[in-house]
Amino acid sequence: MLLAKAGLLAPLSRRLLRDPARAKRRVFGSGYQDLAHLDDDVARSWLTATSATPEAARRFQHLIAGLDDRELRAIEPGLRALDVPTLIVWGTDDVFFDRKWAYWLRDTVPGATEVVEIEGGRLFFPDERAGELVAALRRHWT
């Protein structure tokens, strides 16, 4: 986020696109618990989607620089009206989205049934620990 706000993310991301192994360590290391679960082709496709052209890299930089809780707070009235069964699954070690937001969602969405914490999970835990996510979803759906 700091790089994006400083205008440095777009040029950096274009360089990382050429070196997926380095990008895995620099970009995805904070979102994955174990980078061995991230295939080079998957990393390359994520990077391609966000950085294949200078314009895509600038748009991604703009998106990241603008992230804060204003958007979530802006839709709070809609979330308070969301009375449908809702499962919240959260990685406990996510450095991007604090665990407090899982409980804020639980307390805000009337249909929220529970918060399932994936111990040690990070942002991309569904990729690494799909079995745990699927088990929680199956319990929720029954």
N, C-alpha and C. Protein backbone atom coordinates (compact mmCIF):
# COMPACT_ATOMS: atom_id res chain seq x y z
N MET A 1 0.83 -1.18 0.00
CA MET A 1 0.00 0.00 0.00
C MET A 1 0.87 1.25 0.00
N LEU A 2 1.95 1.21 0.77
CA LEU A 2 2.86 2.35 0.79
C LEU A 2 3.48 2.59 -0.59
N LEU A 3 3.88 1.52 -1.25
CA LEU A 3 4.43 1.65 -2.60
C LEU A 3 3.40 2.23 -3.55
N ALA A 4 2.16 1.78 -3.43
CA ALA A 4 1.10 2.28 -4.31
C ALA A 4 0.86 3.76 -4.07
N LYS A 5 0.79 4.15 -2.82
CA LYS A 5 0.55 5.57 -2.50
C LYS A 5 1.70 6.45 -2.96
N ALA A 6 2.91 5.89 -3.00
CA ALA A 6 4.09 6.65 -3.46
C ALA A 6 4.25 6.61 -4.97
N GLY A 7 3.37 5.87 -5.66
CA GLY A 7 3.45 5.77 -7.11
C GLY A 7 4.53 4.82 -7.61
N LEU A 8 5.00 3.94 -6.74
CA LEU A 8 6.10 3.03 -7.10
C LEU A 8 5.64 1.61 -7.40
N LEU A 9 4.40 1.28 -7.10
CA LEU A 9 3.93 -0.09 -7.29
C LEU A 9 3.85 -0.46 -8.77
N ALA A 10 3.34 0.42 -9.60
CA ALA A 10 3.17 0.10 -11.03
C ALA A 10 4.50 -0.25 -11.69
N PRO A 11 5.54 0.59 -11.56
CA PRO A 11 6.80 0.21 -12.20
C PRO A 11 7.42 -1.06 -11.60
N LEU A 12 7.29 -1.22 -10.30
CA LEU A 12 7.85 -2.42 -9.65
C LEU A 12 7.12 -3.67 -10.12
N SER A 13 5.80 -3.60 -10.21
CA SER A 13 5.03 -4.78 -10.59
C SER A 13 5.35 -5.20 -12.02
N ARG A 14 5.64 -4.26 -12.88
CA ARG A 14 6.01 -4.60 -14.26
C ARG A 14 7.33 -5.37 -14.27
N ARG A 15 8.26 -4.99 -13.41
CA ARG A 15 9.55 -5.70 -13.34
C ARG A 15 9.37 -7.10 -12.74
N LEU A 16 8.52 -7.21 -11.74
CA LEU A 16 8.30 -8.51 -11.10
C LEU A 16 7.62 -9.50 -12.03
N LEU A 17 6.87 -9.01 -12.98
CA LEU A 17 6.21 -9.88 -13.95
C LEU A 17 7.22 -10.71 -14.72
N ARG A 18 8.42 -10.16 -14.88
CA ARG A 18 9.48 -10.87 -15.61
C ARG A 18 10.17 -11.92 -14.75
N ASP A 19 9.94 -11.89 -13.44
CA ASP A 19 10.64 -12.82 -12.54
C ASP A 19 9.65 -13.37 -11.49
N PRO A 20 8.81 -14.35 -11.89
CA PRO A 20 7.79 -14.87 -10.97
C PRO A 20 8.36 -15.44 -9.66
N ALA A 21 9.54 -16.03 -9.71
CA ALA A 21 10.11 -16.59 -8.47
C ALA A 21 10.39 -15.46 -7.47
N ARG A 22 10.93 -14.37 -7.95
CA ARG A 22 11.18 -13.22 -7.07
C ARG A 22 9.87 -12.60 -6.61
N ALA A 23 8.91 -12.52 -7.54
CA ALA A 23 7.61 -11.96 -7.20
C ALA A 23 6.93 -12.78 -6.12
N LYS A 24 7.08 -14.09 -6.18
CA LYS A 24 6.48 -14.94 -5.16
C LYS A 24 6.96 -14.53 -3.78
N ARG A 25 8.26 -14.32 -3.66
CA ARG A 25 8.82 -13.94 -2.36
C ARG A 25 8.40 -12.52 -1.96
N ARG A 26 8.47 -11.59 -2.89
CA ARG A 26 8.23 -10.18 -2.57
C ARG A 26 6.77 -9.80 -2.46
N VAL A 27 5.95 -10.36 -3.34
CA VAL A 27 4.56 -9.95 -3.42
C VAL A 27 3.64 -10.90 -2.67
N PHE A 28 3.83 -12.18 -2.87
CA PHE A 28 2.88 -13.15 -2.34
C PHE A 28 3.28 -13.71 -0.99
N GLY A 29 4.50 -13.47 -0.56
CA GLY A 29 4.98 -14.02 0.70
C GLY A 29 4.15 -13.62 1.90
N SER A 30 3.59 -12.42 1.88
CA SER A 30 2.79 -11.99 3.02
C SER A 30 1.36 -12.53 2.95
N GLY A 31 0.93 -13.00 1.78
CA GLY A 31 -0.43 -13.51 1.65
C GLY A 31 -0.54 -15.02 1.73
N TYR A 32 0.60 -15.70 1.62
CA TYR A 32 0.63 -17.16 1.70
C TYR A 32 1.36 -17.59 2.96
N GLN A 33 0.85 -18.61 3.57
CA GLN A 33 1.50 -19.19 4.74
C GLN A 33 2.76 -19.95 4.31
N ASP A 34 2.67 -20.63 3.17
CA ASP A 34 3.78 -21.42 2.65
C ASP A 34 3.81 -21.23 1.14
N LEU A 35 4.81 -20.54 0.64
CA LEU A 35 4.90 -20.24 -0.79
C LEU A 35 5.02 -21.48 -1.66
N ALA A 36 5.31 -22.62 -1.08
CA ALA A 36 5.37 -23.86 -1.86
C ALA A 36 4.00 -24.20 -2.45
N HIS A 37 2.93 -23.65 -1.85
CA HIS A 37 1.58 -23.89 -2.35
C HIS A 37 1.24 -23.02 -3.56
N LEU A 38 2.08 -22.04 -3.86
CA LEU A 38 1.80 -21.14 -4.98
C LEU A 38 2.62 -21.57 -6.19
N ASP A 39 1.95 -22.07 -7.18
CA ASP A 39 2.57 -22.51 -8.43
C ASP A 39 3.06 -21.28 -9.21
N ASP A 40 4.20 -21.41 -9.88
CA ASP A 40 4.75 -20.30 -10.67
C ASP A 40 3.76 -19.82 -11.72
N ASP A 41 3.03 -20.73 -12.35
CA ASP A 41 2.06 -20.33 -13.37
C ASP A 41 0.91 -19.52 -12.77
N VAL A 42 0.49 -19.90 -11.57
CA VAL A 42 -0.57 -19.15 -10.90
C VAL A 42 -0.06 -17.74 -10.55
N ALA A 43 1.16 -17.67 -10.01
CA ALA A 43 1.74 -16.36 -9.69
C ALA A 43 1.85 -15.51 -10.96
N ARG A 44 2.29 -16.12 -12.03
CA ARG A 44 2.43 -15.40 -13.30
C ARG A 44 1.06 -14.89 -13.78
N SER A 45 0.01 -15.70 -13.64
CA SER A 45 -1.29 -15.23 -14.11
C SER A 45 -1.84 -14.09 -13.26
N TRP A 46 -1.60 -14.12 -11.95
CA TRP A 46 -2.01 -13.00 -11.09
C TRP A 46 -1.27 -11.74 -11.51
N LEU A 47 0.03 -11.88 -11.70
CA LEU A 47 0.83 -10.72 -12.09
C LEU A 47 0.44 -10.20 -13.47
N THR A 48 0.14 -11.11 -14.38
CA THR A 48 -0.26 -10.70 -15.72
C THR A 48 -1.57 -9.91 -15.67
N ALA A 49 -2.50 -10.38 -14.86
CA ALA A 49 -3.79 -9.70 -14.75
C ALA A 49 -3.66 -8.28 -14.22
N THR A 50 -2.69 -8.05 -13.37
CA THR A 50 -2.55 -6.73 -12.74
C THR A 50 -1.45 -5.87 -13.33
N SER A 51 -0.57 -6.47 -14.14
CA SER A 51 0.62 -5.71 -14.54
C SER A 51 1.08 -5.95 -15.98
N ALA A 52 0.29 -6.60 -16.80
CA ALA A 52 0.75 -6.95 -18.15
C ALA A 52 1.00 -5.72 -19.02
N THR A 53 0.25 -4.66 -18.77
CA THR A 53 0.45 -3.43 -19.53
C THR A 53 0.69 -2.29 -18.55
N PRO A 54 1.31 -1.23 -19.00
CA PRO A 54 1.49 -0.07 -18.10
C PRO A 54 0.15 0.44 -17.55
N GLU A 55 -0.88 0.44 -18.38
CA GLU A 55 -2.20 0.91 -17.93
C GLU A 55 -2.77 0.00 -16.85
N ALA A 56 -2.67 -1.32 -17.04
CA ALA A 56 -3.16 -2.26 -16.02
C ALA A 56 -2.40 -2.06 -14.71
N ALA A 57 -1.10 -1.87 -14.80
CA ALA A 57 -0.29 -1.66 -13.59
C ALA A 57 -0.70 -0.37 -12.88
N ARG A 58 -0.98 0.68 -13.64
CA ARG A 58 -1.42 1.94 -13.03
C ARG A 58 -2.79 1.79 -12.38
N ARG A 59 -3.70 1.07 -13.04
CA ARG A 59 -5.03 0.85 -12.45
C ARG A 59 -4.94 0.04 -11.15
N PHE A 60 -4.09 -0.98 -11.17
CA PHE A 60 -3.91 -1.80 -9.97
C PHE A 60 -3.32 -0.95 -8.85
N GLN A 61 -2.33 -0.13 -9.18
CA GLN A 61 -1.72 0.76 -8.20
C GLN A 61 -2.78 1.70 -7.62
N HIS A 62 -3.63 2.24 -8.46
CA HIS A 62 -4.69 3.14 -8.01
C HIS A 62 -5.65 2.41 -7.06
N LEU A 63 -6.01 1.18 -7.41
CA LEU A 63 -6.90 0.38 -6.57
C LEU A 63 -6.27 0.15 -5.19
N ILE A 64 -5.03 -0.28 -5.16
CA ILE A 64 -4.35 -0.57 -3.90
C ILE A 64 -4.18 0.69 -3.06
N ALA A 65 -3.82 1.78 -3.69
CA ALA A 65 -3.61 3.04 -2.96
C ALA A 65 -4.90 3.53 -2.32
N GLY A 66 -6.03 3.17 -2.90
CA GLY A 66 -7.30 3.66 -2.38
C GLY A 66 -7.98 2.75 -1.37
N LEU A 67 -7.35 1.63 -1.06
CA LEU A 67 -7.98 0.70 -0.12
C LEU A 67 -8.02 1.27 1.30
N ASP A 68 -9.19 1.27 1.87
CA ASP A 68 -9.36 1.56 3.29
C ASP A 68 -10.75 1.06 3.68
N ASP A 69 -11.17 1.34 4.87
CA ASP A 69 -12.45 0.78 5.31
C ASP A 69 -13.65 1.64 4.93
N ARG A 70 -13.43 2.72 4.18
CA ARG A 70 -14.56 3.59 3.79
C ARG A 70 -15.60 2.84 2.97
N GLU A 71 -15.12 1.99 2.05
CA GLU A 71 -16.06 1.25 1.20
C GLU A 71 -16.93 0.31 2.04
N LEU A 72 -16.31 -0.37 2.97
CA LEU A 72 -17.06 -1.28 3.83
C LEU A 72 -18.05 -0.50 4.69
N ARG A 73 -17.60 0.59 5.24
CA ARG A 73 -18.49 1.41 6.06
C ARG A 73 -19.64 1.99 5.22
N ALA A 74 -19.35 2.30 3.96
CA ALA A 74 -20.38 2.88 3.08
C ALA A 74 -21.52 1.90 2.81
N ILE A 75 -21.20 0.60 2.78
CA ILE A 75 -22.26 -0.38 2.50
C ILE A 75 -22.84 -0.99 3.78
N GLU A 76 -22.45 -0.45 4.92
CA GLU A 76 -22.95 -0.99 6.18
C GLU A 76 -24.47 -1.08 6.24
N PRO A 77 -25.22 -0.07 5.79
CA PRO A 77 -26.69 -0.22 5.85
C PRO A 77 -27.18 -1.42 5.04
N GLY A 78 -26.58 -1.68 3.90
CA GLY A 78 -26.96 -2.84 3.11
C GLY A 78 -26.59 -4.14 3.80
N LEU A 79 -25.43 -4.16 4.45
CA LEU A 79 -25.03 -5.36 5.19
C LEU A 79 -25.97 -5.62 6.36
N ARG A 80 -26.43 -4.57 7.02
CA ARG A 80 -27.36 -4.72 8.14
C ARG A 80 -28.71 -5.27 7.68
N ALA A 81 -29.01 -5.12 6.40
CA ALA A 81 -30.26 -5.64 5.86
C ALA A 81 -30.09 -7.03 5.24
N LEU A 82 -28.88 -7.53 5.23
CA LEU A 82 -28.58 -8.81 4.58
C LEU A 82 -28.96 -9.97 5.50
N ASP A 83 -30.21 -10.34 5.46
CA ASP A 83 -30.71 -11.38 6.35
C ASP A 83 -30.79 -12.71 5.61
N VAL A 84 -29.62 -13.18 5.19
CA VAL A 84 -29.49 -14.48 4.54
C VAL A 84 -28.38 -15.24 5.26
N PRO A 85 -28.46 -16.56 5.29
CA PRO A 85 -27.40 -17.32 5.98
C PRO A 85 -26.02 -16.95 5.41
N THR A 86 -25.15 -16.49 6.29
CA THR A 86 -23.84 -15.99 5.89
C THR A 86 -22.77 -16.62 6.76
N LEU A 87 -21.80 -17.21 6.12
CA LEU A 87 -20.66 -17.79 6.83
C LEU A 87 -19.46 -16.89 6.62
N ILE A 88 -18.75 -16.60 7.68
CA ILE A 88 -17.54 -15.78 7.60
C ILE A 88 -16.37 -16.68 7.96
N VAL A 89 -15.43 -16.82 7.03
CA VAL A 89 -14.25 -17.65 7.24
C VAL A 89 -13.05 -16.72 7.13
N TRP A 90 -12.17 -16.73 8.13
CA TRP A 90 -11.10 -15.75 8.22
C TRP A 90 -9.79 -16.40 8.61
N GLY A 91 -8.73 -16.03 7.94
CA GLY A 91 -7.39 -16.46 8.33
C GLY A 91 -6.89 -15.64 9.50
N THR A 92 -6.41 -16.28 10.53
CA THR A 92 -5.99 -15.55 11.74
C THR A 92 -4.70 -14.77 11.55
N ASP A 93 -3.90 -15.12 10.53
CA ASP A 93 -2.63 -14.42 10.32
C ASP A 93 -2.65 -13.52 9.09
N ASP A 94 -3.83 -13.11 8.65
CA ASP A 94 -3.96 -12.23 7.50
C ASP A 94 -3.45 -10.84 7.89
N VAL A 95 -2.39 -10.38 7.21
CA VAL A 95 -1.81 -9.08 7.54
C VAL A 95 -2.54 -7.93 6.85
N PHE A 96 -3.42 -8.26 5.91
CA PHE A 96 -4.13 -7.22 5.17
C PHE A 96 -5.48 -6.89 5.78
N PHE A 97 -6.15 -7.90 6.32
CA PHE A 97 -7.49 -7.71 6.86
C PHE A 97 -7.50 -8.24 8.30
N ASP A 98 -7.49 -7.32 9.23
CA ASP A 98 -7.45 -7.66 10.65
C ASP A 98 -8.65 -8.53 11.03
N ARG A 99 -8.43 -9.42 11.94
CA ARG A 99 -9.46 -10.34 12.42
C ARG A 99 -10.68 -9.60 12.97
N LYS A 100 -10.49 -8.39 13.47
CA LYS A 100 -11.62 -7.64 14.02
C LYS A 100 -12.73 -7.46 12.99
N TRP A 101 -12.35 -7.41 11.69
CA TRP A 101 -13.36 -7.22 10.65
C TRP A 101 -14.25 -8.45 10.49
N ALA A 102 -13.74 -9.62 10.78
CA ALA A 102 -14.59 -10.82 10.74
C ALA A 102 -15.71 -10.70 11.76
N TYR A 103 -15.37 -10.23 12.94
CA TYR A 103 -16.36 -10.11 14.00
C TYR A 103 -17.26 -8.90 13.79
N TRP A 104 -16.73 -7.87 13.16
CA TRP A 104 -17.56 -6.73 12.79
C TRP A 104 -18.62 -7.20 11.78
N LEU A 105 -18.22 -7.99 10.80
CA LEU A 105 -19.17 -8.53 9.83
C LEU A 105 -20.21 -9.42 10.52
N ARG A 106 -19.75 -10.29 11.42
CA ARG A 106 -20.68 -11.17 12.14
C ARG A 106 -21.72 -10.35 12.89
N ASP A 107 -21.27 -9.27 13.52
CA ASP A 107 -22.18 -8.44 14.31
C ASP A 107 -23.03 -7.51 13.45
N THR A 108 -22.64 -7.31 12.21
CA THR A 108 -23.34 -6.39 11.31
C THR A 108 -24.35 -7.11 10.43
N VAL A 109 -24.00 -8.28 9.93
CA VAL A 109 -24.86 -9.03 9.02
C VAL A 109 -25.82 -9.90 9.85
N PRO A 110 -27.13 -9.62 9.80
CA PRO A 110 -28.07 -10.39 10.63
C PRO A 110 -28.05 -11.89 10.33
N GLY A 111 -27.75 -12.25 9.09
CA GLY A 111 -27.75 -13.67 8.73
C GLY A 111 -26.45 -14.39 9.02
N ALA A 112 -25.47 -13.70 9.58
CA ALA A 112 -24.19 -14.34 9.88
C ALA A 112 -24.39 -15.42 10.93
N THR A 113 -23.94 -16.62 10.61
CA THR A 113 -24.13 -17.74 11.52
C THR A 113 -22.96 -17.95 12.46
N GLU A 114 -21.76 -17.70 11.94
CA GLU A 114 -20.56 -17.90 12.77
C GLU A 114 -19.34 -17.32 12.05
N VAL A 115 -18.28 -17.22 12.81
CA VAL A 115 -16.97 -16.91 12.25
C VAL A 115 -16.13 -18.17 12.42
N VAL A 116 -15.62 -18.67 11.32
CA VAL A 116 -14.71 -19.81 11.37
C VAL A 116 -13.31 -19.24 11.18
N GLU A 117 -12.46 -19.45 12.15
CA GLU A 117 -11.08 -18.97 12.06
C GLU A 117 -10.19 -20.09 11.54
N ILE A 118 -9.43 -19.78 10.52
CA ILE A 118 -8.43 -20.70 9.99
C ILE A 118 -7.11 -20.32 10.66
N GLU A 119 -6.74 -21.08 11.67
CA GLU A 119 -5.56 -20.77 12.47
C GLU A 119 -4.31 -20.72 11.60
N GLY A 120 -3.62 -19.58 11.64
CA GLY A 120 -2.40 -19.38 10.86
C GLY A 120 -2.66 -19.03 9.41
N GLY A 121 -3.93 -19.03 8.99
CA GLY A 121 -4.26 -18.72 7.60
C GLY A 121 -3.99 -17.27 7.26
N ARG A 122 -3.60 -17.07 6.04
CA ARG A 122 -3.36 -15.71 5.53
C ARG A 122 -4.36 -15.42 4.42
N LEU A 123 -4.15 -14.34 3.73
CA LEU A 123 -5.09 -13.86 2.73
C LEU A 123 -5.51 -14.95 1.73
N PHE A 124 -4.56 -15.71 1.26
CA PHE A 124 -4.86 -16.71 0.24
C PHE A 124 -5.08 -18.11 0.82
N PHE A 125 -5.58 -18.18 2.06
CA PHE A 125 -5.80 -19.49 2.66
C PHE A 125 -6.73 -20.38 1.83
N PRO A 126 -7.71 -19.83 1.08
CA PRO A 126 -8.54 -20.74 0.28
C PRO A 126 -7.72 -21.53 -0.75
N ASP A 127 -6.64 -20.95 -1.23
CA ASP A 127 -5.78 -21.64 -2.18
C ASP A 127 -4.94 -22.71 -1.47
N GLU A 128 -4.45 -22.38 -0.31
CA GLU A 128 -3.57 -23.30 0.42
C GLU A 128 -4.32 -24.34 1.24
N ARG A 129 -5.44 -23.95 1.78
CA ARG A 129 -6.13 -24.80 2.75
C ARG A 129 -7.60 -24.96 2.37
N ALA A 130 -7.79 -25.29 1.10
CA ALA A 130 -9.14 -25.43 0.57
C ALA A 130 -9.96 -26.46 1.34
N GLY A 131 -9.33 -27.50 1.81
CA GLY A 131 -10.05 -28.54 2.56
C GLY A 131 -10.76 -27.99 3.79
N GLU A 132 -10.10 -27.09 4.49
CA GLU A 132 -10.70 -26.49 5.68
C GLU A 132 -11.86 -25.57 5.31
N LEU A 133 -11.68 -24.83 4.21
CA LEU A 133 -12.75 -23.96 3.74
C LEU A 133 -13.96 -24.79 3.30
N VAL A 134 -13.71 -25.84 2.54
CA VAL A 134 -14.79 -26.69 2.06
C VAL A 134 -15.53 -27.34 3.23
N ALA A 135 -14.80 -27.80 4.24
CA ALA A 135 -15.45 -28.40 5.41
C ALA A 135 -16.37 -27.39 6.11
N ALA A 136 -15.89 -26.17 6.25
CA ALA A 136 -16.71 -25.12 6.88
C ALA A 136 -17.94 -24.81 6.03
N LEU A 137 -17.76 -24.77 4.72
CA LEU A 137 -18.89 -24.51 3.82
C LEU A 137 -19.92 -25.63 3.88
N ARG A 138 -19.45 -26.86 3.91
CA ARG A 138 -20.38 -27.99 3.98
C ARG A 138 -21.19 -27.96 5.28
N ARG A 139 -20.52 -27.65 6.39
CA ARG A 139 -21.25 -27.53 7.67
C ARG A 139 -22.30 -26.42 7.56
N HIS A 140 -21.91 -25.32 6.99
CA HIS A 140 -22.80 -24.17 6.84
C HIS A 140 -24.00 -24.52 5.96
N TRP A 141 -23.74 -25.21 4.86
CA TRP A 141 -24.82 -25.51 3.91
C TRP A 141 -25.78 -26.57 4.44
N THR A 142 -25.32 -27.39 5.38
CA THR A 142 -26.26 -28.37 5.94
C THR A 142 -27.03 -27.73 7.07
